[in-house]
């Protein structure tokens, strides 16, 4: 798993969009508004095609009905995790350093 860790407005999403384009992999985001923004940014600013980004809700519903998804790219993983667990305060997270 590649980790993209940079400060705010430093190109993390742009890098993820490029990865999505290169591998034709869906980007998972916190909500439909963010998905639409990424799709618009990829198309109109970066001028590249990507699969339509999906919200957590869409992904969960599609995963239940369509089955297995092999790969996904996650934008703003902290927000996605927060949305999944609700109003519980996340004090810290750990991640394995593996590729």
N, C-alpha and C. Protein backbone atom coordinates (compact mmCIF):
# COMPACT_ATOMS: atom_id res chain seq x y z
N UNK A 1 0.85 -1.18 0.00
CA UNK A 1 0.00 0.00 0.00
C UNK A 1 0.89 1.24 0.00
N UNK A 2 0.67 2.09 -0.97
CA UNK A 2 1.40 3.36 -1.04
C UNK A 2 0.70 4.36 -0.13
N UNK A 3 1.48 5.11 0.61
CA UNK A 3 0.93 6.16 1.47
C UNK A 3 1.36 7.51 0.93
N UNK A 4 0.41 8.40 0.74
CA UNK A 4 0.70 9.76 0.28
C UNK A 4 0.43 10.68 1.47
N UNK A 5 1.47 11.12 2.12
CA UNK A 5 1.33 11.93 3.32
C UNK A 5 2.02 13.26 3.08
N UNK A 6 1.20 14.29 2.93
CA UNK A 6 1.70 15.64 2.69
C UNK A 6 0.76 16.61 3.39
N UNK A 7 1.17 17.86 3.47
CA UNK A 7 0.32 18.87 4.09
C UNK A 7 -0.87 19.21 3.19
N UNK A 8 -1.81 19.94 3.75
CA UNK A 8 -3.01 20.35 3.03
C UNK A 8 -2.63 21.16 1.79
N UNK A 9 -3.35 20.91 0.69
CA UNK A 9 -3.17 21.63 -0.58
C UNK A 9 -1.76 21.46 -1.16
N UNK A 10 -1.21 20.26 -1.00
CA UNK A 10 0.14 20.02 -1.51
C UNK A 10 0.17 19.01 -2.67
N UNK A 11 -1.01 18.64 -3.18
CA UNK A 11 -1.06 17.77 -4.35
C UNK A 11 -1.38 16.31 -4.09
N UNK A 12 -1.85 15.98 -2.89
CA UNK A 12 -2.19 14.59 -2.58
C UNK A 12 -3.28 14.05 -3.49
N UNK A 13 -4.36 14.78 -3.64
CA UNK A 13 -5.47 14.33 -4.47
C UNK A 13 -5.08 14.28 -5.93
N UNK A 14 -4.30 15.25 -6.38
CA UNK A 14 -3.82 15.23 -7.77
C UNK A 14 -3.00 13.98 -8.03
N UNK A 15 -2.15 13.62 -7.09
CA UNK A 15 -1.35 12.40 -7.23
C UNK A 15 -2.25 11.16 -7.27
N UNK A 16 -3.28 11.15 -6.43
CA UNK A 16 -4.22 10.03 -6.40
C UNK A 16 -5.00 9.94 -7.71
N UNK A 17 -5.39 11.09 -8.25
CA UNK A 17 -6.10 11.12 -9.53
C UNK A 17 -5.21 10.54 -10.63
N UNK A 18 -3.95 10.90 -10.64
CA UNK A 18 -3.02 10.35 -11.63
C UNK A 18 -2.89 8.84 -11.48
N UNK A 19 -2.83 8.36 -10.24
CA UNK A 19 -2.78 6.91 -10.00
C UNK A 19 -4.05 6.23 -10.51
N UNK A 20 -5.19 6.87 -10.28
CA UNK A 20 -6.46 6.32 -10.76
C UNK A 20 -6.46 6.21 -12.27
N UNK A 21 -5.96 7.24 -12.92
CA UNK A 21 -5.86 7.25 -14.39
C UNK A 21 -4.91 6.15 -14.88
N UNK A 22 -3.75 6.05 -14.27
CA UNK A 22 -2.73 5.09 -14.70
C UNK A 22 -3.15 3.64 -14.50
N UNK A 23 -3.92 3.38 -13.45
CA UNK A 23 -4.30 1.99 -13.11
C UNK A 23 -5.78 1.70 -13.34
N UNK A 24 -6.54 2.71 -13.73
CA UNK A 24 -8.00 2.64 -13.90
C UNK A 24 -8.64 2.03 -12.65
N UNK A 25 -8.33 2.66 -11.51
CA UNK A 25 -8.83 2.22 -10.21
C UNK A 25 -9.75 3.29 -9.64
N UNK A 26 -10.84 2.87 -9.01
CA UNK A 26 -11.79 3.80 -8.39
C UNK A 26 -11.18 4.51 -7.20
N UNK A 27 -11.57 5.78 -7.03
CA UNK A 27 -11.20 6.55 -5.85
C UNK A 27 -12.40 6.56 -4.92
N UNK A 28 -12.18 6.16 -3.67
CA UNK A 28 -13.21 6.15 -2.65
C UNK A 28 -13.10 7.43 -1.82
N UNK A 29 -14.22 8.13 -1.65
CA UNK A 29 -14.23 9.40 -0.93
C UNK A 29 -15.36 9.43 0.09
N UNK A 30 -15.35 10.46 0.91
CA UNK A 30 -16.29 10.54 2.02
C UNK A 30 -17.75 10.73 1.58
N UNK A 31 -17.98 11.49 0.52
CA UNK A 31 -19.37 11.73 0.10
C UNK A 31 -19.45 12.05 -1.40
N UNK A 32 -20.67 12.11 -1.91
CA UNK A 32 -20.89 12.33 -3.34
C UNK A 32 -20.37 13.70 -3.79
N UNK A 33 -20.48 14.71 -2.93
CA UNK A 33 -19.98 16.05 -3.27
C UNK A 33 -18.49 16.00 -3.58
N UNK A 34 -17.72 15.32 -2.74
CA UNK A 34 -16.28 15.20 -2.96
C UNK A 34 -16.00 14.38 -4.22
N UNK A 35 -16.78 13.33 -4.46
CA UNK A 35 -16.61 12.50 -5.66
C UNK A 35 -16.82 13.34 -6.91
N UNK A 36 -17.87 14.16 -6.91
CA UNK A 36 -18.14 15.01 -8.07
C UNK A 36 -17.03 16.03 -8.28
N UNK A 37 -16.49 16.59 -7.18
CA UNK A 37 -15.41 17.56 -7.29
C UNK A 37 -14.17 16.91 -7.93
N UNK A 38 -13.83 15.72 -7.47
CA UNK A 38 -12.65 15.03 -8.02
C UNK A 38 -12.85 14.70 -9.49
N UNK A 39 -14.02 14.23 -9.85
CA UNK A 39 -14.30 13.91 -11.26
C UNK A 39 -14.17 15.16 -12.13
N UNK A 40 -14.72 16.27 -11.66
CA UNK A 40 -14.65 17.52 -12.39
C UNK A 40 -13.20 18.02 -12.50
N UNK A 41 -12.46 17.94 -11.41
CA UNK A 41 -11.06 18.38 -11.40
C UNK A 41 -10.22 17.55 -12.36
N UNK A 42 -10.41 16.25 -12.35
CA UNK A 42 -9.65 15.36 -13.25
C UNK A 42 -9.94 15.71 -14.70
N UNK A 43 -11.21 15.89 -15.02
CA UNK A 43 -11.63 16.12 -16.40
C UNK A 43 -11.30 17.53 -16.88
N UNK A 44 -11.68 18.54 -16.11
CA UNK A 44 -11.60 19.92 -16.58
C UNK A 44 -10.30 20.65 -16.25
N UNK A 45 -9.60 20.22 -15.22
CA UNK A 45 -8.34 20.87 -14.86
C UNK A 45 -7.15 20.04 -15.32
N UNK A 46 -7.14 18.76 -14.95
CA UNK A 46 -6.02 17.91 -15.32
C UNK A 46 -6.15 17.32 -16.72
N UNK A 47 -7.37 17.37 -17.26
CA UNK A 47 -7.63 16.87 -18.63
C UNK A 47 -7.29 15.38 -18.78
N UNK A 48 -7.65 14.59 -17.76
CA UNK A 48 -7.45 13.15 -17.84
C UNK A 48 -8.73 12.42 -17.45
N UNK A 49 -8.87 11.21 -17.96
CA UNK A 49 -10.03 10.37 -17.65
C UNK A 49 -9.71 9.45 -16.49
N UNK A 50 -10.68 9.31 -15.60
CA UNK A 50 -10.59 8.36 -14.49
C UNK A 50 -11.94 7.69 -14.32
N UNK A 51 -11.98 6.54 -13.67
CA UNK A 51 -13.29 5.97 -13.32
C UNK A 51 -14.02 6.95 -12.40
N UNK A 52 -15.32 6.98 -12.47
CA UNK A 52 -16.10 7.89 -11.64
C UNK A 52 -15.85 7.61 -10.16
N UNK A 53 -15.32 8.58 -9.40
CA UNK A 53 -15.10 8.36 -7.98
C UNK A 53 -16.41 8.00 -7.26
N UNK A 54 -16.29 7.24 -6.17
CA UNK A 54 -17.48 6.77 -5.46
C UNK A 54 -17.42 7.18 -3.99
N UNK A 55 -18.60 7.44 -3.44
CA UNK A 55 -18.70 7.76 -2.02
C UNK A 55 -18.69 6.46 -1.22
N UNK A 56 -18.48 6.59 0.08
CA UNK A 56 -18.51 5.42 0.96
C UNK A 56 -19.83 4.68 0.80
N UNK A 57 -20.94 5.41 0.85
CA UNK A 57 -22.26 4.80 0.75
C UNK A 57 -22.43 4.04 -0.56
N UNK A 58 -22.03 4.65 -1.66
CA UNK A 58 -22.14 3.99 -2.96
C UNK A 58 -21.27 2.74 -3.02
N UNK A 59 -20.07 2.83 -2.47
CA UNK A 59 -19.15 1.70 -2.48
C UNK A 59 -19.72 0.53 -1.68
N UNK A 60 -20.22 0.83 -0.49
CA UNK A 60 -20.77 -0.24 0.35
C UNK A 60 -21.97 -0.89 -0.33
N UNK A 61 -22.86 -0.08 -0.89
CA UNK A 61 -24.04 -0.64 -1.57
C UNK A 61 -23.65 -1.45 -2.80
N UNK A 62 -22.71 -0.94 -3.59
CA UNK A 62 -22.28 -1.66 -4.79
C UNK A 62 -21.52 -2.93 -4.41
N UNK A 63 -20.71 -2.85 -3.38
CA UNK A 63 -19.94 -4.01 -2.94
C UNK A 63 -20.87 -5.13 -2.48
N UNK A 64 -21.95 -4.76 -1.80
CA UNK A 64 -22.92 -5.77 -1.36
C UNK A 64 -23.64 -6.41 -2.53
N UNK A 65 -24.00 -5.59 -3.52
CA UNK A 65 -24.79 -6.12 -4.64
C UNK A 65 -23.94 -6.70 -5.76
N UNK A 66 -22.75 -6.14 -5.98
CA UNK A 66 -21.93 -6.58 -7.10
C UNK A 66 -20.81 -7.54 -6.70
N UNK A 67 -20.48 -7.56 -5.43
CA UNK A 67 -19.46 -8.48 -4.98
C UNK A 67 -18.10 -7.85 -4.81
N UNK A 68 -17.08 -8.60 -5.10
CA UNK A 68 -15.70 -8.29 -4.78
C UNK A 68 -15.11 -7.14 -5.60
N UNK A 69 -14.37 -6.27 -4.93
CA UNK A 69 -13.61 -5.21 -5.58
C UNK A 69 -12.15 -5.44 -5.21
N UNK A 70 -11.30 -5.57 -6.21
CA UNK A 70 -9.91 -5.96 -5.96
C UNK A 70 -9.05 -4.82 -5.42
N UNK A 71 -9.22 -3.60 -5.95
CA UNK A 71 -8.39 -2.45 -5.55
C UNK A 71 -9.23 -1.20 -5.40
N UNK A 72 -8.76 -0.31 -4.56
CA UNK A 72 -9.40 1.00 -4.39
C UNK A 72 -8.34 1.99 -3.92
N UNK A 73 -8.50 3.24 -4.33
CA UNK A 73 -7.66 4.34 -3.86
C UNK A 73 -8.53 5.17 -2.92
N UNK A 74 -8.02 5.57 -1.78
CA UNK A 74 -8.83 6.33 -0.81
C UNK A 74 -8.28 7.74 -0.67
N UNK A 75 -9.14 8.73 -0.92
CA UNK A 75 -8.77 10.13 -0.73
C UNK A 75 -9.21 10.57 0.66
N UNK A 76 -8.35 11.27 1.36
CA UNK A 76 -8.64 11.75 2.72
C UNK A 76 -9.12 10.60 3.61
N UNK A 77 -8.24 9.61 3.78
CA UNK A 77 -8.57 8.39 4.54
C UNK A 77 -9.07 8.71 5.95
N UNK A 78 -8.55 9.77 6.56
CA UNK A 78 -9.01 10.12 7.91
C UNK A 78 -10.50 10.48 7.90
N UNK A 79 -10.95 11.21 6.87
CA UNK A 79 -12.37 11.57 6.77
C UNK A 79 -13.23 10.35 6.46
N UNK A 80 -12.72 9.47 5.61
CA UNK A 80 -13.46 8.25 5.28
C UNK A 80 -13.63 7.39 6.53
N UNK A 81 -12.56 7.21 7.29
CA UNK A 81 -12.64 6.43 8.52
C UNK A 81 -13.60 7.07 9.51
N UNK A 82 -13.54 8.39 9.66
CA UNK A 82 -14.44 9.09 10.58
C UNK A 82 -15.89 8.88 10.19
N UNK A 83 -16.18 8.96 8.89
CA UNK A 83 -17.55 8.76 8.40
C UNK A 83 -18.03 7.34 8.69
N UNK A 84 -17.14 6.37 8.55
CA UNK A 84 -17.51 4.97 8.79
C UNK A 84 -17.83 4.69 10.24
N UNK A 85 -17.10 5.31 11.17
CA UNK A 85 -17.32 4.99 12.58
C UNK A 85 -18.24 5.97 13.29
N UNK A 86 -18.60 7.06 12.63
CA UNK A 86 -19.54 8.00 13.23
C UNK A 86 -18.89 9.06 14.09
N UNK A 87 -19.59 9.48 15.12
CA UNK A 87 -19.17 10.64 15.91
C UNK A 87 -18.15 10.32 16.99
N UNK A 88 -17.63 9.11 17.00
CA UNK A 88 -16.59 8.76 17.95
C UNK A 88 -15.32 9.50 17.56
N UNK A 89 -14.66 10.14 18.52
CA UNK A 89 -13.44 10.89 18.26
C UNK A 89 -12.27 9.94 18.01
N UNK A 90 -11.60 10.08 16.88
CA UNK A 90 -10.41 9.27 16.60
C UNK A 90 -9.21 9.99 17.20
N UNK A 91 -8.61 9.40 18.20
CA UNK A 91 -7.46 10.03 18.86
C UNK A 91 -6.16 9.70 18.17
N UNK A 92 -6.05 8.53 17.56
CA UNK A 92 -4.82 8.14 16.87
C UNK A 92 -5.11 6.93 15.99
N UNK A 93 -4.29 6.76 14.97
CA UNK A 93 -4.37 5.56 14.13
C UNK A 93 -2.96 5.05 13.89
N UNK A 94 -2.85 3.77 13.57
CA UNK A 94 -1.57 3.22 13.18
C UNK A 94 -1.74 2.59 11.80
N UNK A 95 -0.64 2.46 11.09
CA UNK A 95 -0.65 1.81 9.77
C UNK A 95 0.63 0.99 9.66
N UNK A 96 0.52 -0.13 8.98
CA UNK A 96 1.71 -0.93 8.71
C UNK A 96 2.54 -0.26 7.62
N UNK A 97 3.82 -0.34 7.71
CA UNK A 97 4.71 0.20 6.70
C UNK A 97 5.06 -0.90 5.71
N UNK A 98 4.06 -1.26 4.88
CA UNK A 98 4.27 -2.31 3.89
C UNK A 98 3.87 -1.82 2.52
N UNK A 99 4.44 -2.39 1.48
CA UNK A 99 4.10 -2.02 0.12
C UNK A 99 3.33 -3.06 -0.54
